[in-house]
Protein backbone atom coordinates (compact mmCIF):
# COMPACT_ATOMS: atom_id res chain seq x y z
CA MET A 1 -21.46 -11.04 -2.71
CA ILE A 2 -19.79 -14.26 -0.11
CA PRO A 3 -17.38 -12.35 1.65
CA ILE A 4 -14.68 -14.16 0.94
CA LEU A 5 -14.57 -14.38 -3.22
CA GLY A 6 -15.03 -10.56 -2.87
CA GLY A 7 -12.20 -9.87 -0.85
CA LEU A 8 -10.26 -12.25 -2.86
CA LEU A 9 -11.17 -10.77 -6.00
CA THR A 10 -10.05 -6.68 -4.65
CA GLY A 11 -7.47 -8.79 -3.42
CA ALA A 12 -6.78 -9.51 -6.68
CA ALA A 13 -7.42 -6.82 -8.81
CA PHE A 14 -5.50 -4.82 -6.68
CA GLY A 15 -2.22 -6.82 -6.72
CA ILE A 16 -2.41 -7.43 -10.65
CA VAL A 17 -2.17 -3.07 -10.70
CA LEU A 18 0.76 -3.06 -8.41
CA TYR A 19 2.69 -5.95 -10.57
CA LYS A 20 1.39 -4.04 -13.65
CA VAL A 21 2.38 -0.15 -12.95
CA GLY A 22 5.90 -1.64 -11.36
CA ALA A 23 5.01 -0.71 -7.51
CA SER A 24 6.85 -4.42 -6.26
CA ARG A 25 9.65 -3.22 -8.25
CA PHE A 26 12.75 -2.26 -5.64
CA SER A 27 13.96 0.70 -7.80
CA ARG A 28 10.65 2.10 -8.12
CA VAL A 29 9.86 2.62 -4.95
CA ILE A 30 13.11 3.98 -4.31
CA GLY A 31 12.76 6.32 -7.28
CA MET A 32 10.12 7.39 -5.92
CA LEU A 33 11.45 8.16 -2.52
CA THR A 34 14.81 10.27 -3.90
CA LEU A 35 12.71 11.31 -6.83
CA ARG A 36 14.79 9.02 -9.17
CA ASP A 37 11.95 7.93 -10.29
CA THR A 38 8.79 8.77 -9.95
CA LYS A 39 5.80 6.86 -11.20
CA VAL A 40 5.19 5.24 -8.08
CA MET A 41 4.38 8.08 -7.41
CA LYS A 42 2.63 9.50 -10.08
CA PHE A 43 0.08 6.52 -10.02
CA ALA A 44 -0.37 6.84 -5.90
CA PHE A 45 -1.50 10.31 -6.78
CA THR A 46 -3.68 9.71 -9.52
CA ALA A 47 -5.68 6.81 -7.47
CA ILE A 48 -5.99 9.72 -3.92
CA ALA A 49 -6.94 11.47 -6.73
CA THR A 50 -9.75 8.57 -8.65
CA ALA A 51 -11.03 7.65 -5.80
CA SER A 52 -11.68 11.05 -4.16
CA THR A 53 -13.80 11.95 -6.60
CA LEU A 54 -15.75 8.77 -7.21
CA TYR A 55 -16.64 10.01 -3.65
CA GLY A 56 -17.15 13.05 -3.92
CA LEU A 57 -19.45 12.83 -6.93
CA ALA A 58 -21.12 9.99 -4.86
CA SER A 59 -22.38 12.18 -1.98
CA LEU A 60 -22.82 15.56 -4.17
CA PHE A 61 -25.70 13.77 -6.32
CA GLY A 62 -26.80 12.10 -3.32
CA VAL A 63 -25.91 7.86 -4.37
CA ALA A 64 -23.17 7.74 -1.19
CA GLU A 65 -25.20 5.53 1.21
CA GLN A 66 -27.15 4.04 -1.50
CA TRP A 67 -24.61 2.40 -3.31
CA HIS A 68 -22.44 1.74 0.23
CA LEU A 69 -19.73 4.74 -1.21
CA VAL A 70 -20.31 6.81 1.97
CA PRO A 71 -15.63 6.05 2.65
CA ARG A 72 -14.24 4.19 6.10
CA VAL A 73 -12.82 7.09 8.09
CA MET A 74 -9.86 5.25 10.23
CA PRO A 75 -9.67 7.21 14.42
CA PHE A 76 -7.37 9.69 15.37
CA LEU A 77 -4.84 8.57 17.59
CA GLY A 78 -2.65 10.96 18.68
CA SER A 79 1.06 10.68 18.68
CA ALA A 80 1.07 6.68 17.43
CA HIS A 81 0.54 8.27 14.01
CA VAL A 82 4.39 9.79 14.24
CA LEU A 83 5.55 6.68 16.25
CA GLY A 84 3.87 4.31 14.13
CA GLY A 85 4.45 6.68 11.06
CA ILE A 86 8.80 7.00 12.30
CA ILE A 87 9.14 3.07 12.15
CA PHE A 88 7.33 1.98 8.70
CA GLY A 89 8.99 4.85 7.30
CA VAL A 90 12.30 3.92 8.12
CA ALA A 91 11.33 0.36 6.94
CA MET A 92 10.04 0.73 4.02
CA GLY A 93 12.60 3.36 2.81
CA THR A 94 15.47 0.91 3.60
CA THR A 95 13.45 -2.10 1.81
CA GLY A 96 11.78 -0.56 -0.82
CA THR A 97 8.78 -2.05 0.06
CA CYS A 98 6.01 -2.03 2.02
CA PRO A 99 2.82 -4.41 2.90
CA GLY A 100 1.27 -5.13 0.15
CA THR A 101 4.21 -4.53 -2.21
CA CYS A 102 5.76 -7.57 -0.82
CA ILE A 103 2.64 -9.85 -1.55
CA ALA A 104 2.80 -8.06 -4.77
CA LYS A 105 6.40 -8.54 -5.29
CA ALA A 106 6.44 -12.67 -3.70
CA GLY A 107 3.49 -13.36 -6.42
CA GLY A 108 5.31 -11.42 -8.96
CA ARG A 109 8.41 -13.92 -8.42
CA GLY A 110 10.34 -10.73 -8.24
CA GLY A 111 14.26 -10.00 -6.81
CA ASP A 112 16.74 -11.61 -7.21
CA LYS A 113 17.60 -13.00 -3.45
CA ARG A 114 15.82 -15.62 -3.41
CA PHE A 115 13.14 -16.60 0.03
CA ALA A 116 14.14 -13.05 0.85
CA THR A 117 10.20 -11.88 -0.01
CA LEU A 118 8.98 -14.93 2.31
CA PHE A 119 10.94 -13.73 4.32
CA SER A 120 9.68 -9.72 4.73
CA VAL A 121 6.15 -11.60 5.09
CA PHE A 122 7.18 -13.62 7.63
CA GLY A 123 8.69 -10.92 9.21
CA LEU A 124 5.25 -8.58 8.66
CA ALA A 125 3.28 -11.65 11.19
CA LEU A 126 5.66 -11.51 13.54
CA GLY A 127 4.68 -7.25 13.85
CA ILE A 128 2.05 -7.90 14.25
CA LEU A 129 2.29 -10.11 17.36
CA ALA A 130 5.01 -7.28 18.72
CA TYR A 131 2.07 -5.02 18.57
CA SER A 132 -0.60 -6.93 19.89
CA ALA A 133 2.29 -7.01 23.79
CA LEU A 134 3.08 -3.09 23.18
CA LYS A 135 -0.31 -1.51 22.56
CA THR A 136 -1.66 -1.64 25.94
CA PRO A 137 1.63 -0.42 27.23
CA LEU A 138 1.60 2.18 24.14
CA THR A 139 -1.94 3.13 25.17
CA ASP A 140 -1.26 3.26 29.64
CA ALA A 141 1.76 5.06 28.58
CA GLY A 142 -0.57 7.62 26.10
CA VAL A 143 1.14 7.19 22.48
CA ILE A 144 -2.01 5.23 21.24
CA ALA A 145 -5.35 7.88 21.87
CA THR A 146 -7.96 6.13 24.06
CA ASN A 147 -10.58 8.59 22.96
CA GLN A 148 -10.30 7.15 19.47
CA LYS A 149 -12.55 9.26 16.85
CA PRO A 150 -12.52 10.01 13.45
CA MET A 151 -11.29 13.56 13.03
CA THR A 152 -11.20 15.19 9.05
CA LEU A 153 -10.42 17.77 7.45
CA HIS A 154 -14.39 18.38 5.59
CA GLY A 155 -15.10 18.56 9.16
CA LEU A 156 -12.31 21.15 10.42
CA LEU A 157 -13.05 23.32 7.43
CA GLY A 158 -16.66 22.74 8.37
CA LEU A 159 -18.11 22.10 4.38
CA PRO A 160 -19.44 19.34 3.14
CA TYR A 161 -17.83 16.45 2.01
CA GLY A 162 -18.48 16.26 -1.30
CA VAL A 163 -16.86 19.38 -2.58
CA VAL A 164 -13.92 18.86 -0.28
CA ALA A 165 -13.39 15.63 -1.87
CA LEU A 166 -13.80 17.12 -5.61
CA GLY A 167 -10.98 19.66 -4.55
CA TRP A 168 -8.76 16.97 -3.45
CA GLY A 169 -8.87 15.02 -5.95
CA ALA A 170 -8.27 17.90 -8.65
CA LEU A 171 -5.47 19.35 -6.32
CA PHE A 172 -4.16 15.94 -7.39
CA PHE A 173 -4.40 15.55 -10.47
CA THR A 174 -2.03 19.04 -10.34
CA ILE A 175 0.73 17.61 -8.42
CA THR A 176 0.56 14.68 -10.50
CA MET A 177 0.64 16.82 -13.84
CA VAL A 178 3.80 18.77 -11.86
CA VAL A 179 5.63 15.47 -11.23
CA ASP A 180 5.02 14.33 -14.10
CA ARG A 181 6.33 17.56 -16.55
CA PHE A 182 9.34 18.29 -13.64
CA LEU A 183 10.46 14.79 -12.21
CA PRO A 184 11.56 11.70 -14.44
CA GLU A 185 10.70 8.63 -14.62
CA LYS A 186 12.78 5.11 -15.54
CA HIS A 187 11.86 3.95 -19.14
CA PHE A 188 11.96 0.09 -19.20
CA ALA A 189 12.11 -0.67 -22.64
CA PRO A 190 9.97 -4.28 -23.45
CA SER A 191 11.52 -7.66 -25.29
CA LYS A 192 8.75 -6.89 -27.59
CA GLU A 193 7.70 -3.95 -29.42
CA SER A 194 4.09 -3.16 -28.46
CA ARG A 195 1.87 -3.28 -31.90
CA THR A 196 -1.47 -4.36 -30.53
CA LEU A 197 -3.91 -3.71 -27.71
CA LEU A 198 -3.01 -6.92 -26.63
CA ASP A 199 0.82 -5.95 -26.98
CA VAL A 200 0.14 -2.94 -24.85
CA VAL A 201 -2.08 -5.13 -22.27
CA ARG A 202 1.01 -7.57 -21.59
CA GLY A 203 3.28 -4.99 -21.43
CA GLU A 204 4.13 -1.98 -18.32
CA TRP A 205 0.93 0.08 -17.60
CA SER A 206 1.35 3.17 -17.18
CA TRP A 207 0.64 5.19 -14.11
CA LEU A 208 -2.38 7.23 -15.70
CA ALA A 209 -3.91 3.46 -16.12
CA GLY A 210 -2.59 2.02 -13.21
CA GLY A 211 -3.62 5.13 -11.00
CA ILE A 212 -7.59 4.81 -11.98
CA LEU A 213 -7.62 1.80 -12.15
CA GLY A 214 -6.45 1.13 -8.56
CA GLY A 215 -8.67 3.88 -8.01
CA THR A 216 -11.65 2.55 -8.92
CA VAL A 217 -10.76 -1.24 -7.07
CA ILE A 218 -10.25 1.09 -3.85
CA VAL A 219 -13.87 2.22 -4.29
CA LEU A 220 -15.29 -0.90 -5.37
CA ALA A 221 -13.69 -2.10 -1.82
CA THR A 222 -15.78 0.40 -0.36
CA ALA A 223 -19.40 -0.56 -2.65
CA GLN A 224 -18.91 -4.20 -0.85
CA ASN A 225 -18.60 -2.21 2.66
CA GLY A 226 -14.65 -3.51 2.80
CA TYR A 227 -11.50 -1.09 3.41
CA LEU A 228 -8.41 -1.18 0.71
CA GLY A 229 -5.69 -1.21 3.52
CA PHE A 230 -3.48 -4.29 3.93
CA SER A 231 -1.83 -3.72 7.16
CA GLY A 232 -5.20 -4.43 8.35
CA ALA A 233 -5.61 -7.35 6.31
CA ALA A 234 -2.63 -9.00 7.27
CA LEU A 235 -4.15 -8.41 10.86
CA ALA A 236 -6.55 -10.31 10.08
CA VAL A 237 -5.01 -13.59 8.24
CA VAL A 238 -2.84 -13.57 11.34
CA GLY A 239 -5.31 -13.12 14.02
CA GLY A 240 -7.20 -15.49 12.11
CA VAL A 241 -5.27 -18.01 11.56
CA ALA A 242 -4.68 -17.18 15.65
CA HIS A 243 -8.52 -18.48 16.21
CA LEU A 244 -8.00 -21.12 14.20
CA VAL A 245 -5.49 -22.40 16.27
CA GLY A 246 -7.37 -22.31 18.95
CA HIS A 247 -5.15 -18.95 20.70
CA PRO A 248 -7.23 -16.02 20.19
CA MET A 249 -6.03 -12.71 20.11
CA GLU A 250 -6.98 -9.35 21.76
CA LEU A 251 -6.97 -7.57 19.05
CA VAL A 252 -9.30 -9.91 16.25
CA PRO A 253 -11.83 -11.05 18.83
CA LYS A 254 -14.08 -13.07 16.74
CA LEU A 255 -14.25 -14.11 13.07
CA ASN A 256 -17.00 -12.67 11.09
CA ASP A 257 -17.63 -11.20 7.80
CA ASP A 258 -15.76 -8.05 7.69
CA ILE A 259 -12.51 -10.42 9.47
CA LEU A 260 -12.17 -12.99 6.42
CA TRP A 261 -12.82 -10.55 3.96
CA ARG A 262 -10.41 -8.17 5.22
CA ALA A 263 -7.92 -11.82 5.35
CA MET A 264 -9.31 -12.15 1.90
CA LEU A 265 -8.02 -8.83 0.60
CA ILE A 266 -4.14 -9.58 1.19
CA VAL A 267 -4.40 -12.95 0.78
CA GLY A 268 -5.68 -12.48 -2.89
CA VAL A 269 -2.62 -10.16 -4.11
CA PHE A 270 -0.10 -13.17 -4.83
CA PRO A 271 -2.04 -14.56 -7.39
CA GLY A 272 -3.11 -11.53 -8.44
CA ALA A 273 0.64 -11.05 -8.98
CA PHE A 274 1.38 -14.25 -10.32
CA LEU A 275 -0.99 -14.18 -13.11
CA ALA A 276 -0.19 -11.05 -13.55
CA SER A 277 3.13 -12.27 -13.96
CA LEU A 278 2.57 -14.53 -16.22
CA PHE A 279 0.40 -12.82 -18.54
CA SER A 280 3.15 -10.20 -18.99
CA THR A 281 5.71 -9.15 -22.18
CA LYS A 282 8.55 -8.89 -19.77
CA SER A 283 11.30 -6.08 -20.70
CA GLU A 284 14.12 -5.79 -22.25
CA ALA A 285 16.01 -5.75 -19.29
CA ALA A 286 14.56 -9.24 -17.75
CA THR A 287 15.53 -10.98 -20.87
CA HIS A 288 19.36 -10.95 -20.70
CA PRO A 289 19.35 -10.26 -16.70
CA THR A 290 22.64 -9.46 -15.25
CA VAL A 291 22.78 -10.63 -11.34
CA LYS A 292 21.66 -14.80 -10.75
CA HIS A 293 19.05 -15.10 -8.15
CA THR A 294 21.39 -16.19 -4.87
CA PHE A 295 20.05 -16.75 -1.70
CA SER A 296 21.74 -14.57 1.05
CA ILE A 297 20.87 -14.62 4.48
CA LYS A 298 22.04 -11.30 4.85
CA ALA A 299 19.37 -10.09 1.99
CA SER A 300 16.26 -12.48 4.44
CA SER A 301 17.63 -10.66 7.72
CA LYS A 302 17.22 -7.24 5.82
CA ALA A 303 13.65 -8.34 4.07
CA LEU A 304 12.56 -10.06 7.88
CA ALA A 305 13.32 -6.86 9.75
CA GLY A 306 11.79 -4.65 7.32
CA GLY A 307 8.28 -6.50 6.98
CA PHE A 308 8.68 -6.84 11.40
CA GLY A 309 9.26 -3.36 10.71
CA LEU A 310 6.66 -2.30 8.14
CA SER A 311 4.23 -4.46 10.78
CA LEU A 312 4.29 -3.15 13.76
CA GLY A 313 4.77 0.78 12.54
CA ALA A 314 1.32 -0.40 10.60
CA MET A 315 -0.41 -1.35 13.62
CA ILE A 316 0.95 1.62 15.69
CA GLY A 317 0.09 4.55 13.27
CA GLY A 318 -2.94 2.97 11.38
CA GLY A 319 -1.90 1.78 8.84
CA CYS A 320 -0.22 1.80 5.52
CA THR A 321 1.27 3.31 2.46
CA THR A 322 -2.05 1.71 0.75
CA GLY A 323 -4.22 1.70 4.40
CA ALA A 324 -3.19 5.20 5.25
CA PHE A 325 -2.71 6.68 2.71
CA ILE A 326 -3.91 5.68 -0.66
CA ALA A 327 -7.12 4.48 0.20
CA ALA A 328 -7.08 6.76 3.09
CA TRP A 329 -6.79 10.18 2.06
CA PRO A 330 -9.82 10.85 -0.46
CA THR A 331 -11.42 10.05 2.79
CA LEU A 332 -9.83 12.73 4.34
CA SER A 333 -9.09 11.35 7.89
CA VAL A 334 -6.62 13.56 9.87
CA GLY A 335 -4.94 10.54 11.24
CA SER A 336 -4.25 9.09 8.17
CA LEU A 337 -2.70 11.75 6.55
CA ALA A 338 -0.53 12.28 9.94
CA MET A 339 0.66 8.48 9.73
CA GLY A 340 0.97 9.28 5.80
CA GLY A 341 2.73 12.33 6.11
CA THR A 342 5.47 10.93 8.92
CA PHE A 343 6.08 8.19 6.89
CA PHE A 344 6.81 9.88 3.82
CA VAL A 345 9.38 11.99 5.21
CA ALA A 346 10.67 9.14 7.17
CA SER A 347 11.29 6.57 4.74
CA MET A 348 12.33 10.26 1.62
CA ALA A 349 15.29 10.85 4.39
CA THR A 350 16.41 7.55 4.96
CA SER A 351 16.85 5.82 0.87
CA ASN A 352 18.32 9.36 0.49
CA LEU A 353 20.75 9.43 4.21
CA LEU A 354 21.94 5.32 2.46
CA LEU A 355 22.24 6.81 -1.30
CA LEU A 356 24.77 9.35 0.17
CA THR A 357 26.49 6.88 2.10
CA ARG A 358 26.76 4.60 -1.03
CA ARG A 359 25.23 2.29 1.37
CA LEU A 360 22.05 1.74 -1.78
CA ASP A 361 23.47 1.99 -5.51
CA PHE A 362 20.29 3.01 -7.91
CA ALA A 363 22.19 2.99 -10.75
CA LYS A 364 22.43 -1.14 -9.66
CA ALA A 365 18.73 -1.22 -8.39
């Protein structure tokens, strides 16, 4: 498949999934971080379990290399995972977004503040430019490791990848079931009763369906020799534009098929979410809006700062919620485990602090 088309279709598919499971909804993400609405958490855990299982089966049956299903392992960056995770986590806990959901939200025309999502996207680009200037000083200071080698959980255990991956998948399926049993999920009643299969497809998808589809898209990205990570995709876009205007970035030294595939990955999220919004049945609450769509300098500034923090943290720490968590944890990368674990602790601490200090009204959200 042509790299540009493959990346575009893969991004669009994941954009559809993000929109349909409600991951672009502020209340869903903040609900996950405050444990008041765990749908997105269950979606992410199911996607990890699905991808881990598919990778593990391919490895055990000996077809991983033949089918290009050997997952790409992110290198270990040392303390950069902690620093980047904290920056990313604070931004995520404040804005309730990540690089992928920023684009999905813009494509799905979500949010009550006009142009806020566009400011967050602009912030993503600014964060990448800031990282371009900070990478050398951070490396010289020893924050970013110079000897960047892949480090994996199965490697540390001395076990075959396929065995550990299947166990990892089973673990996350089990965790998901426990979360579903004991923690709440917000229900948004559809404006139209679901009577046919088409009505079900047009409605908001369940975390189970979304997670299985999301995990499958991650594996299909690997089959194209690609990697489903939106911070890296944003870097590819910025680097590609820099090449086009005659000022190549050191972070993206040349344009090739891999860079083009990555760039089209995040570009594809926008039309994917947009088409999903056109085809979807709105919730009953959305058909009777209680808030007006207004422009707010405060909201736009917050979105700009949030996007900046998200991409800067992701660049330093080695990935975002997709690239360092949903798509990376099935690879059993120790660096991704460190990055993902750090930014979730930081984001949950941030969002809960905002809730306790009444700077966040979850009921209104």
